[in-house]
PDB file of N, CA and C in Angstrom:
ATOM      1  N   MET A   1       2.921   2.454  -7.672  1.00  0.00           N
ATOM      2  CA  MET A   1       1.677   3.005  -8.181  1.00  0.00           C
ATOM      3  C   MET A   1       0.558   2.006  -7.935  1.00  0.00           C
ATOM      4  N   LYS A   2      -0.441   2.435  -7.238  1.00  0.00           N
ATOM      5  CA  LYS A   2      -1.636   1.631  -7.003  1.00  0.00           C
ATOM      6  C   LYS A   2      -2.840   2.429  -7.484  1.00  0.00           C
ATOM      7  N   ALA A   3      -3.604   1.872  -8.409  1.00  0.00           N
ATOM      8  CA  ALA A   3      -4.814   2.531  -8.900  1.00  0.00           C
ATOM      9  C   ALA A   3      -5.871   2.555  -7.788  1.00  0.00           C
ATOM     10  N   PRO A   4      -6.815   3.497  -7.840  1.00  0.00           N
ATOM     11  CA  PRO A   4      -7.825   3.603  -6.781  1.00  0.00           C
ATOM     12  C   PRO A   4      -8.636   2.326  -6.546  1.00  0.00           C
ATOM     13  N   ASP A   5      -8.898   1.534  -7.591  1.00  0.00           N
ATOM     14  CA  ASP A   5      -9.716   0.336  -7.385  1.00  0.00           C
ATOM     15  C   ASP A   5      -8.923  -0.835  -6.788  1.00  0.00           C
ATOM     16  N   THR A   6      -7.663  -0.601  -6.443  1.00  0.00           N
ATOM     17  CA  THR A   6      -6.899  -1.643  -5.756  1.00  0.00           C
ATOM     18  C   THR A   6      -7.206  -1.669  -4.266  1.00  0.00           C
ATOM     19  N   VAL A   7      -7.660  -0.543  -3.706  1.00  0.00           N
ATOM     20  CA  VAL A   7      -7.860  -0.426  -2.266  1.00  0.00           C
ATOM     21  C   VAL A   7      -9.159  -1.108  -1.859  1.00  0.00           C
ATOM     22  N   VAL A   8      -9.031  -2.067  -0.942  1.00  0.00           N
ATOM     23  CA  VAL A   8     -10.177  -2.760  -0.358  1.00  0.00           C
ATOM     24  C   VAL A   8      -9.934  -2.874   1.144  1.00  0.00           C
ATOM     25  N   GLY A   9     -10.916  -3.361   1.855  1.00  0.00           N
ATOM     26  CA  GLY A   9     -10.791  -3.518   3.296  1.00  0.00           C
ATOM     27  C   GLY A   9      -9.831  -4.638   3.672  1.00  0.00           C
ATOM     28  N   PRO A  10      -9.389  -4.652   4.916  1.00  0.00           N
ATOM     29  CA  PRO A  10      -8.381  -5.619   5.346  1.00  0.00           C
ATOM     30  C   PRO A  10      -8.862  -7.072   5.338  1.00  0.00           C
ATOM     31  N   ASP A  11     -10.169  -7.282   5.391  1.00  0.00           N
ATOM     32  CA  ASP A  11     -10.711  -8.639   5.399  1.00  0.00           C
ATOM     33  C   ASP A  11     -11.391  -9.020   4.091  1.00  0.00           C
ATOM     34  N   ASP A  12     -11.297  -8.141   3.091  1.00  0.00           N
ATOM     35  CA  ASP A  12     -11.909  -8.434   1.790  1.00  0.00           C
ATOM     36  C   ASP A  12     -11.060  -9.437   1.016  1.00  0.00           C
ATOM     37  N   ASP A  13     -11.705 -10.160   0.116  1.00  0.00           N
ATOM     38  CA  ASP A  13     -10.991 -11.106  -0.734  1.00  0.00           C
ATOM     39  C   ASP A  13     -10.113 -10.372  -1.734  1.00  0.00           C
ATOM     40  N   VAL A  14      -8.956 -10.938  -1.997  1.00  0.00           N
ATOM     41  CA  VAL A  14      -8.092 -10.472  -3.081  1.00  0.00           C
ATOM     42  C   VAL A  14      -8.438 -11.315  -4.300  1.00  0.00           C
ATOM     43  N   LEU A  15      -8.789 -10.649  -5.388  1.00  0.00           N
ATOM     44  CA  LEU A  15      -9.152 -11.350  -6.614  1.00  0.00           C
ATOM     45  C   LEU A  15      -7.895 -11.560  -7.451  1.00  0.00           C
ATOM     46  N   ILE A  16      -7.586 -12.805  -7.728  1.00  0.00           N
ATOM     47  CA  ILE A  16      -6.417 -13.127  -8.546  1.00  0.00           C
ATOM     48  C   ILE A  16      -6.843 -13.023 -10.010  1.00  0.00           C
ATOM     49  N   PRO A  17      -6.157 -12.195 -10.795  1.00  0.00           N
ATOM     50  CA  PRO A  17      -6.588 -11.994 -12.188  1.00  0.00           C
ATOM     51  C   PRO A  17      -6.388 -13.226 -13.061  1.00  0.00           C
ATOM     52  N   ARG A  18      -7.217 -13.335 -14.065  1.00  0.00           N
ATOM     53  CA  ARG A  18      -7.097 -14.409 -15.046  1.00  0.00           C
ATOM     54  C   ARG A  18      -5.685 -14.394 -15.636  1.00  0.00           C
ATOM     55  N   GLY A  19      -5.069 -15.533 -15.748  1.00  0.00           N
ATOM     56  CA  GLY A  19      -3.738 -15.636 -16.320  1.00  0.00           C
ATOM     57  C   GLY A  19      -2.614 -15.355 -15.339  1.00  0.00           C
ATOM     58  N   SER A  20      -2.953 -15.113 -14.087  1.00  0.00           N
ATOM     59  CA  SER A  20      -1.917 -14.843 -13.089  1.00  0.00           C
ATOM     60  C   SER A  20      -1.096 -16.097 -12.837  1.00  0.00           C
ATOM     61  N   ALA A  21       0.207 -15.951 -12.884  1.00  0.00           N
ATOM     62  CA  ALA A  21       1.097 -17.086 -12.644  1.00  0.00           C
ATOM     63  C   ALA A  21       2.028 -16.857 -11.468  1.00  0.00           C
ATOM     64  N   LYS A  22       2.234 -15.596 -11.097  1.00  0.00           N
ATOM     65  CA  LYS A  22       3.217 -15.278 -10.059  1.00  0.00           C
ATOM     66  C   LYS A  22       2.694 -14.200  -9.112  1.00  0.00           C
ATOM     67  N   THR A  23       1.525 -14.457  -8.524  1.00  0.00           N
ATOM     68  CA  THR A  23       0.992 -13.509  -7.551  1.00  0.00           C
ATOM     69  C   THR A  23       1.865 -13.545  -6.305  1.00  0.00           C
ATOM     70  N   ASP A  24       2.229 -12.379  -5.819  1.00  0.00           N
ATOM     71  CA  ASP A  24       3.149 -12.234  -4.699  1.00  0.00           C
ATOM     72  C   ASP A  24       2.601 -11.147  -3.776  1.00  0.00           C
ATOM     73  N   TRP A  25       3.120 -11.087  -2.564  1.00  0.00           N
ATOM     74  CA  TRP A  25       2.631 -10.113  -1.598  1.00  0.00           C
ATOM     75  C   TRP A  25       3.764  -9.651  -0.697  1.00  0.00           C
ATOM     76  N   GLU A  26       3.540  -8.481  -0.106  1.00  0.00           N
ATOM     77  CA  GLU A  26       4.448  -7.949   0.906  1.00  0.00           C
ATOM     78  C   GLU A  26       3.681  -6.941   1.756  1.00  0.00           C
ATOM     79  N   VAL A  27       4.165  -6.731   2.952  1.00  0.00           N
ATOM     80  CA  VAL A  27       3.554  -5.746   3.837  1.00  0.00           C
ATOM     81  C   VAL A  27       4.269  -4.413   3.650  1.00  0.00           C
ATOM     82  N   GLU A  28       3.494  -3.339   3.694  1.00  0.00           N
ATOM     83  CA  GLU A  28       4.031  -1.988   3.539  1.00  0.00           C
ATOM     84  C   GLU A  28       3.411  -1.083   4.600  1.00  0.00           C
ATOM     85  N   LEU A  29       4.148  -0.066   4.976  1.00  0.00           N
ATOM     86  CA  LEU A  29       3.606   0.987   5.820  1.00  0.00           C
ATOM     87  C   LEU A  29       3.024   2.052   4.896  1.00  0.00           C
ATOM     88  N   ALA A  30       1.729   2.274   4.986  1.00  0.00           N
ATOM     89  CA  ALA A  30       1.069   3.292   4.166  1.00  0.00           C
ATOM     90  C   ALA A  30       1.121   4.626   4.898  1.00  0.00           C
ATOM     91  N   VAL A  31       1.520   5.653   4.192  1.00  0.00           N
ATOM     92  CA  VAL A  31       1.512   7.011   4.728  1.00  0.00           C
ATOM     93  C   VAL A  31       0.235   7.672   4.219  1.00  0.00           C
ATOM     94  N   VAL A  32      -0.598   8.119   5.140  1.00  0.00           N
ATOM     95  CA  VAL A  32      -1.875   8.735   4.789  1.00  0.00           C
ATOM     96  C   VAL A  32      -1.687  10.247   4.822  1.00  0.00           C
ATOM     97  N   ILE A  33      -1.824  10.870   3.657  1.00  0.00           N
ATOM     98  CA  ILE A  33      -1.665  12.311   3.543  1.00  0.00           C
ATOM     99  C   ILE A  33      -3.009  12.979   3.832  1.00  0.00           C
ATOM    100  N   GLY A  34      -3.019  13.919   4.757  1.00  0.00           N
ATOM    101  CA  GLY A  34      -4.265  14.511   5.229  1.00  0.00           C
ATOM    102  C   GLY A  34      -4.624  15.853   4.621  1.00  0.00           C
ATOM    103  N   ARG A  35      -3.716  16.437   3.856  1.00  0.00           N
ATOM    104  CA  ARG A  35      -4.040  17.719   3.221  1.00  0.00           C
ATOM    105  C   ARG A  35      -3.154  17.920   1.997  1.00  0.00           C
ATOM    106  N   THR A  36      -3.516  18.880   1.194  1.00  0.00           N
ATOM    107  CA  THR A  36      -2.770  19.168  -0.020  1.00  0.00           C
ATOM    108  C   THR A  36      -1.350  19.609   0.322  1.00  0.00           C
ATOM    109  N   ALA A  37      -0.406  19.088  -0.428  1.00  0.00           N
ATOM    110  CA  ALA A  37       1.001  19.430  -0.217  1.00  0.00           C
ATOM    111  C   ALA A  37       1.621  19.795  -1.563  1.00  0.00           C
ATOM    112  N   ARG A  38       1.837  21.078  -1.775  1.00  0.00           N
ATOM    113  CA  ARG A  38       2.455  21.547  -3.024  1.00  0.00           C
ATOM    114  C   ARG A  38       3.533  22.559  -2.698  1.00  0.00           C
ATOM    115  N   TYR A  39       4.640  22.440  -3.380  1.00  0.00           N
ATOM    116  CA  TYR A  39       5.720  23.418  -3.277  1.00  0.00           C
ATOM    117  C   TYR A  39       6.119  23.686  -1.817  1.00  0.00           C
ATOM    118  N   LEU A  40       6.350  22.631  -1.082  1.00  0.00           N
ATOM    119  CA  LEU A  40       6.741  22.775   0.315  1.00  0.00           C
ATOM    120  C   LEU A  40       8.203  23.188   0.408  1.00  0.00           C
ATOM    121  N   ASP A  41       8.515  23.980   1.415  1.00  0.00           N
ATOM    122  CA  ASP A  41       9.866  24.510   1.566  1.00  0.00           C
ATOM    123  C   ASP A  41      10.751  23.694   2.495  1.00  0.00           C
ATOM    124  N   SER A  42      10.162  22.743   3.223  1.00  0.00           N
ATOM    125  CA  SER A  42      10.983  22.010   4.183  1.00  0.00           C
ATOM    126  C   SER A  42      10.413  20.619   4.445  1.00  0.00           C
ATOM    127  N   GLU A  43      11.253  19.773   4.993  1.00  0.00           N
ATOM    128  CA  GLU A  43      10.811  18.442   5.406  1.00  0.00           C
ATOM    129  C   GLU A  43       9.767  18.552   6.517  1.00  0.00           C
ATOM    130  N   ALA A  44       9.925  19.535   7.387  1.00  0.00           N
ATOM    131  CA  ALA A  44       8.956  19.734   8.472  1.00  0.00           C
ATOM    132  C   ALA A  44       7.566  20.042   7.920  1.00  0.00           C
ATOM    133  N   GLN A  45       7.498  20.841   6.850  1.00  0.00           N
ATOM    134  CA  GLN A  45       6.209  21.121   6.224  1.00  0.00           C
ATOM    135  C   GLN A  45       5.606  19.855   5.627  1.00  0.00           C
ATOM    136  N   ALA A  46       6.444  19.003   5.066  1.00  0.00           N
ATOM    137  CA  ALA A  46       5.955  17.731   4.518  1.00  0.00           C
ATOM    138  C   ALA A  46       5.409  16.841   5.630  1.00  0.00           C
ATOM    139  N   HIS A  47       6.135  16.747   6.723  1.00  0.00           N
ATOM    140  CA  HIS A  47       5.672  15.921   7.851  1.00  0.00           C
ATOM    141  C   HIS A  47       4.348  16.439   8.416  1.00  0.00           C
ATOM    142  N   ALA A  48       4.139  17.742   8.371  1.00  0.00           N
ATOM    143  CA  ALA A  48       2.896  18.314   8.881  1.00  0.00           C
ATOM    144  C   ALA A  48       1.682  17.898   8.042  1.00  0.00           C
ATOM    145  N   CYS A  49       1.889  17.412   6.838  1.00  0.00           N
ATOM    146  CA  CYS A  49       0.799  16.968   5.966  1.00  0.00           C
ATOM    147  C   CYS A  49       0.400  15.516   6.218  1.00  0.00           C
ATOM    148  N   ILE A  50       1.172  14.789   7.015  1.00  0.00           N
ATOM    149  CA  ILE A  50       0.879  13.373   7.281  1.00  0.00           C
ATOM    150  C   ILE A  50      -0.220  13.271   8.326  1.00  0.00           C
ATOM    151  N   ALA A  51      -1.339  12.682   7.927  1.00  0.00           N
ATOM    152  CA  ALA A  51      -2.443  12.475   8.859  1.00  0.00           C
ATOM    153  C   ALA A  51      -2.195  11.262   9.740  1.00  0.00           C
ATOM    154  N   GLY A  52      -1.548  10.250   9.171  1.00  0.00           N
ATOM    155  CA  GLY A  52      -1.296   9.044   9.951  1.00  0.00           C
ATOM    156  C   GLY A  52      -0.700   7.944   9.104  1.00  0.00           C
ATOM    157  N   TYR A  53      -0.723   6.745   9.661  1.00  0.00           N
ATOM    158  CA  TYR A  53      -0.121   5.575   9.026  1.00  0.00           C
ATOM    159  C   TYR A  53      -1.074   4.395   9.150  1.00  0.00           C
ATOM    160  N   ALA A  54      -0.949   3.472   8.204  1.00  0.00           N
ATOM    161  CA  ALA A  54      -1.759   2.247   8.227  1.00  0.00           C
ATOM    162  C   ALA A  54      -0.935   1.116   7.617  1.00  0.00           C
ATOM    163  N   VAL A  55      -1.437  -0.093   7.789  1.00  0.00           N
ATOM    164  CA  VAL A  55      -0.817  -1.256   7.170  1.00  0.00           C
ATOM    165  C   VAL A  55      -1.434  -1.449   5.794  1.00  0.00           C
ATOM    166  N   SER A  56      -0.593  -1.700   4.812  1.00  0.00           N
ATOM    167  CA  SER A  56      -1.036  -1.950   3.454  1.00  0.00           C
ATOM    168  C   SER A  56      -0.489  -3.303   3.008  1.00  0.00           C
ATOM    169  N   HIS A  57      -1.366  -4.143   2.502  1.00  0.00           N
ATOM    170  CA  HIS A  57      -0.977  -5.448   1.971  1.00  0.00           C
ATOM    171  C   HIS A  57      -0.749  -5.242   0.475  1.00  0.00           C
ATOM    172  N   ASP A  58       0.491  -5.101   0.092  1.00  0.00           N
ATOM    173  CA  ASP A  58       0.863  -4.786  -1.291  1.00  0.00           C
ATOM    174  C   ASP A  58       0.948  -6.076  -2.105  1.00  0.00           C
ATOM    175  N   VAL A  59      -0.088  -6.346  -2.897  1.00  0.00           N
ATOM    176  CA  VAL A  59      -0.140  -7.546  -3.728  1.00  0.00           C
ATOM    177  C   VAL A  59       0.345  -7.176  -5.127  1.00  0.00           C
ATOM    178  N   SER A  60       1.108  -8.065  -5.744  1.00  0.00           N
ATOM    179  CA  SER A  60       1.634  -7.839  -7.090  1.00  0.00           C
ATOM    180  C   SER A  60       1.519  -9.122  -7.908  1.00  0.00           C
ATOM    181  N   GLU A  61       1.397  -8.971  -9.202  1.00  0.00           N
ATOM    182  CA  GLU A  61       1.491 -10.108 -10.111  1.00  0.00           C
ATOM    183  C   GLU A  61       2.828  -9.927 -10.836  1.00  0.00           C
ATOM    184  N   ARG A  62       3.833 -10.688 -10.411  1.00  0.00           N
ATOM    185  CA  ARG A  62       5.206 -10.456 -10.863  1.00  0.00           C
ATOM    186  C   ARG A  62       5.405 -10.735 -12.353  1.00  0.00           C
ATOM    187  N   GLU A  63       4.688 -11.689 -12.931  1.00  0.00           N
ATOM    188  CA  GLU A  63       4.833 -11.921 -14.371  1.00  0.00           C
ATOM    189  C   GLU A  63       4.319 -10.713 -15.157  1.00  0.00           C
ATOM    190  N   PHE A  64       3.136 -10.191 -14.773  1.00  0.00           N
ATOM    191  CA  PHE A  64       2.605  -9.004 -15.447  1.00  0.00           C
ATOM    192  C   PHE A  64       3.586  -7.847 -15.307  1.00  0.00           C
ATOM    193  N   GLN A  65       4.189  -7.759 -14.141  1.00  0.00           N
ATOM    194  CA  GLN A  65       5.044  -6.629 -13.794  1.00  0.00           C
ATOM    195  C   GLN A  65       6.409  -6.691 -14.485  1.00  0.00           C
ATOM    196  N   LEU A  66       7.007  -7.864 -14.532  1.00  0.00           N
ATOM    197  CA  LEU A  66       8.406  -7.974 -14.935  1.00  0.00           C
ATOM    198  C   LEU A  66       8.655  -8.636 -16.282  1.00  0.00           C
ATOM    199  N   GLU A  67       7.709  -9.438 -16.759  1.00  0.00           N
ATOM    200  CA  GLU A  67       7.988 -10.249 -17.942  1.00  0.00           C
ATOM    201  C   GLU A  67       7.193  -9.860 -19.181  1.00  0.00           C
ATOM    202  N   ARG A  68       6.391  -8.840 -19.091  1.00  0.00           N
ATOM    203  CA  ARG A  68       5.558  -8.445 -20.233  1.00  0.00           C
ATOM    204  C   ARG A  68       5.972  -7.115 -20.838  1.00  0.00           C
ATOM    205  N   GLY A  69       7.070  -6.550 -20.373  1.00  0.00           N
ATOM    206  CA  GLY A  69       7.545  -5.281 -20.914  1.00  0.00           C
ATOM    207  C   GLY A  69       6.627  -4.130 -20.560  1.00  0.00           C
ATOM    208  N   GLY A  70       7.130  -2.926 -20.793  1.00  0.00           N
ATOM    209  CA  GLY A  70       6.305  -1.753 -20.552  1.00  0.00           C
ATOM    210  C   GLY A  70       6.315  -1.293 -19.110  1.00  0.00           C
ATOM    211  N   GLN A  71       5.169  -0.849 -18.656  1.00  0.00           N
ATOM    212  CA  GLN A  71       5.059  -0.199 -17.358  1.00  0.00           C
ATOM    213  C   GLN A  71       5.073  -1.173 -16.186  1.00  0.00           C
ATOM    214  N   TRP A  72       5.781  -0.806 -15.145  1.00  0.00           N
ATOM    215  CA  TRP A  72       5.920  -1.573 -13.906  1.00  0.00           C
ATOM    216  C   TRP A  72       4.576  -1.743 -13.200  1.00  0.00           C
ATOM    217  N   ASP A  73       3.720  -0.732 -13.258  1.00  0.00           N
ATOM    218  CA  ASP A  73       2.500  -0.726 -12.451  1.00  0.00           C
ATOM    219  C   ASP A  73       1.424  -1.701 -12.913  1.00  0.00           C
ATOM    220  N   LYS A  74       1.549  -2.285 -14.095  1.00  0.00           N
ATOM    221  CA  LYS A  74       0.484  -3.196 -14.542  1.00  0.00           C
ATOM    222  C   LYS A  74       0.402  -4.457 -13.685  1.00  0.00           C
ATOM    223  N   GLY A  75       1.458  -4.813 -12.992  1.00  0.00           N
ATOM    224  CA  GLY A  75       1.413  -5.932 -12.058  1.00  0.00           C
ATOM    225  C   GLY A  75       1.086  -5.523 -10.637  1.00  0.00           C
ATOM    226  N   LYS A  76       0.980  -4.212 -10.398  1.00  0.00           N
ATOM    227  CA  LYS A  76       0.681  -3.691  -9.069  1.00  0.00           C
ATOM    228  C   LYS A  76      -0.759  -3.219  -8.936  1.00  0.00           C
ATOM    229  N   SER A  77      -1.424  -2.977 -10.053  1.00  0.00           N
ATOM    230  CA  SER A  77      -2.705  -2.273 -10.010  1.00  0.00           C
ATOM    231  C   SER A  77      -3.905  -3.125 -10.382  1.00  0.00           C
ATOM    232  N   CYS A  78      -3.825  -4.421 -10.197  1.00  0.00           N
ATOM    233  CA  CYS A  78      -5.006  -5.256 -10.437  1.00  0.00           C
ATOM    234  C   CYS A  78      -6.046  -4.966  -9.354  1.00  0.00           C
ATOM    235  N   GLU A  79      -7.299  -5.093  -9.736  1.00  0.00           N
ATOM    236  CA  GLU A  79      -8.410  -4.867  -8.808  1.00  0.00           C
ATOM    237  C   GLU A  79      -8.194  -5.659  -7.510  1.00  0.00           C
ATOM    238  N   THR A  80      -8.394  -5.015  -6.396  1.00  0.00           N
ATOM    239  CA  THR A  80      -8.299  -5.564  -5.025  1.00  0.00           C
ATOM    240  C   THR A  80      -6.870  -5.829  -4.560  1.00  0.00           C
ATOM    241  N   PHE A  81      -5.860  -5.354  -5.247  1.00  0.00           N
ATOM    242  CA  PHE A  81      -4.471  -5.672  -4.906  1.00  0.00           C
ATOM    243  C   PHE A  81      -3.872  -4.789  -3.811  1.00  0.00           C
ATOM    244  N   ASN A  82      -4.720  -4.120  -3.007  1.00  0.00           N
ATOM    245  CA  ASN A  82      -4.190  -3.327  -1.895  1.00  0.00           C
ATOM    246  C   ASN A  82      -5.128  -3.344  -0.690  1.00  0.00           C
ATOM    247  N   PRO A  83      -5.308  -4.518  -0.054  1.00  0.00           N
ATOM    248  CA  PRO A  83      -6.048  -4.511   1.210  1.00  0.00           C
ATOM    249  C   PRO A  83      -5.361  -3.547   2.186  1.00  0.00           C
ATOM    250  N   PHE A  84      -6.161  -2.769   2.885  1.00  0.00           N
ATOM    251  CA  PHE A  84      -5.661  -1.626   3.635  1.00  0.00           C
ATOM    252  C   PHE A  84      -6.319  -1.570   5.005  1.00  0.00           C
ATOM    253  N   GLY A  85      -5.531  -1.292   6.028  1.00  0.00           N
ATOM    254  CA  GLY A  85      -6.105  -1.079   7.359  1.00  0.00           C
ATOM    255  C   GLY A  85      -5.954  -2.281   8.252  1.00  0.00           C
ATOM    256  N   PRO A  86      -6.747  -2.399   9.266  1.00  0.00           N
ATOM    257  CA  PRO A  86      -8.063  -1.802   9.486  1.00  0.00           C
ATOM    258  C   PRO A  86      -8.060  -0.441  10.181  1.00  0.00           C
ATOM    259  N   TRP A  87      -6.924   0.039  10.625  1.00  0.00           N
ATOM    260  CA  TRP A  87      -6.885   1.319  11.326  1.00  0.00           C
ATOM    261  C   TRP A  87      -5.903   2.262  10.665  1.00  0.00           C
ATOM    262  N   ILE A  88      -6.175   3.546  10.847  1.00  0.00           N
ATOM    263  CA  ILE A  88      -5.200   4.583  10.556  1.00  0.00           C
ATOM    264  C   ILE A  88      -4.792   5.141  11.909  1.00  0.00           C
ATOM    265  N   THR A  89      -3.519   5.083  12.192  1.00  0.00           N
ATOM    266  CA  THR A  89      -2.998   5.600  13.450  1.00  0.00           C
ATOM    267  C   THR A  89      -2.418   6.981  13.189  1.00  0.00           C
ATOM    268  N   THR A  90      -2.797   7.949  14.011  1.00  0.00           N
ATOM    269  CA  THR A  90      -2.330   9.314  13.787  1.00  0.00           C
ATOM    270  C   THR A  90      -0.812   9.398  13.913  1.00  0.00           C
ATOM    271  N   ALA A  91      -0.250  10.326  13.173  1.00  0.00           N
ATOM    272  CA  ALA A  91       1.210  10.480  13.132  1.00  0.00           C
ATOM    273  C   ALA A  91       1.789  10.723  14.525  1.00  0.00           C
ATOM    274  N   ASP A  92       1.104  11.502  15.346  1.00  0.00           N
ATOM    275  CA  ASP A  92       1.647  11.794  16.679  1.00  0.00           C
ATOM    276  C   ASP A  92       1.665  10.548  17.567  1.00  0.00           C
ATOM    277  N   ALA A  93       0.797   9.589  17.317  1.00  0.00           N
ATOM    278  CA  ALA A  93       0.764   8.357  18.105  1.00  0.00           C
ATOM    279  C   ALA A  93       1.812   7.344  17.659  1.00  0.00           C
ATOM    280  N   VAL A  94       2.333   7.494  16.440  1.00  0.00           N
ATOM    281  CA  VAL A  94       3.301   6.542  15.904  1.00  0.00           C
ATOM    282  C   VAL A  94       4.712   6.835  16.386  1.00  0.00           C
ATOM    283  N   GLY A  95       5.042   8.094  16.515  1.00  0.00           N
ATOM    284  CA  GLY A  95       6.428   8.433  16.839  1.00  0.00           C
ATOM    285  C   GLY A  95       7.297   8.276  15.606  1.00  0.00           C
ATOM    286  N   ASP A  96       8.356   7.483  15.726  1.00  0.00           N
ATOM    287  CA  ASP A  96       9.285   7.283  14.611  1.00  0.00           C
ATOM    288  C   ASP A  96       8.789   6.140  13.729  1.00  0.00           C
ATOM    289  N   PRO A  97       8.269   6.424  12.533  1.00  0.00           N
ATOM    290  CA  PRO A  97       7.763   5.346  11.680  1.00  0.00           C
ATOM    291  C   PRO A  97       8.871   4.409  11.213  1.00  0.00           C
ATOM    292  N   GLN A  98      10.120   4.857  11.219  1.00  0.00           N
ATOM    293  CA  GLN A  98      11.236   3.992  10.824  1.00  0.00           C
ATOM    294  C   GLN A  98      11.517   2.910  11.870  1.00  0.00           C
ATOM    295  N   ALA A  99      10.970   3.073  13.076  1.00  0.00           N
ATOM    296  CA  ALA A  99      11.211   2.115  14.149  1.00  0.00           C
ATOM    297  C   ALA A  99      10.092   1.080  14.280  1.00  0.00           C
ATOM    298  N   LEU A 100       9.119   1.129  13.395  1.00  0.00           N
ATOM    299  CA  LEU A 100       8.000   0.184  13.472  1.00  0.00           C
ATOM    300  C   LEU A 100       8.400  -1.192  12.949  1.00  0.00           C
ATOM    301  N   SER A 101       7.781  -2.203  13.501  1.00  0.00           N
ATOM    302  CA  SER A 101       7.956  -3.572  13.030  1.00  0.00           C
ATOM    303  C   SER A 101       6.648  -3.981  12.357  1.00  0.00           C
ATOM    304  N   LEU A 102       6.733  -4.430  11.117  1.00  0.00           N
ATOM    305  CA  LEU A 102       5.552  -4.819  10.369  1.00  0.00           C
ATOM    306  C   LEU A 102       5.540  -6.320  10.125  1.00  0.00           C
ATOM    307  N   ARG A 103       4.357  -6.903  10.126  1.00  0.00           N
ATOM    308  CA  ARG A 103       4.226  -8.313   9.737  1.00  0.00           C
ATOM    309  C   ARG A 103       2.860  -8.512   9.123  1.00  0.00           C
ATOM    310  N   LEU A 104       2.783  -9.542   8.300  1.00  0.00           N
ATOM    311  CA  LEU A 104       1.561  -9.820   7.562  1.00  0.00           C
ATOM    312  C   LEU A 104       1.351 -11.314   7.516  1.00  0.00           C
ATOM    313  N   SER A 105       0.127 -11.736   7.779  1.00  0.00           N
ATOM    314  CA  SER A 105      -0.228 -13.150   7.646  1.00  0.00           C
ATOM    315  C   SER A 105      -1.187 -13.275   6.457  1.00  0.00           C
ATOM    316  N   VAL A 106      -0.933 -14.240   5.608  1.00  0.00           N
ATOM    317  CA  VAL A 106      -1.778 -14.473   4.446  1.00  0.00           C
ATOM    318  C   VAL A 106      -2.507 -15.789   4.651  1.00  0.00           C
ATOM    319  N   ASN A 107      -3.791 -15.794   4.366  1.00  0.00           N
ATOM    320  CA  ASN A 107      -4.660 -16.961   4.540  1.00  0.00           C
ATOM    321  C   ASN A 107      -4.741 -17.423   5.982  1.00  0.00           C
ATOM    322  N   ALA A 108      -4.590 -16.497   6.909  1.00  0.00           N
ATOM    323  CA  ALA A 108      -4.713 -16.831   8.341  1.00  0.00           C
ATOM    324  C   ALA A 108      -6.122 -16.520   8.800  1.00  0.00           C
ATOM    325  N   LEU A 109      -6.604 -17.303   9.706  1.00  0.00           N
ATOM    326  CA  LEU A 109      -7.937 -17.062  10.268  1.00  0.00           C
ATOM    327  C   LEU A 109      -7.823 -16.464  11.630  1.00  0.00           C
TER     328      LEU A 109
END
């Protein structure tokens, strides 16, 4: 779960929240849904709703997430915790998304 205010541009600063002790990161493949999908009858119908894919920098605060009890998403949804992009690649250009290789550099120039 990522709240809407987590999404920022790929070159924007990630703001580390006050009291953060275990900020962590990982790269994710973001699936961009291009139209409403409700009560679909098949996997093919679901795939037809995919507009494309992008790189998502999934930032988490593991202490907030794992050591404070309650909901998992409180360590995932801090402001700026989802730098996204810089491109969305259309689904037809990606082919098999399971065959993609992802990598992420942090603090690289």
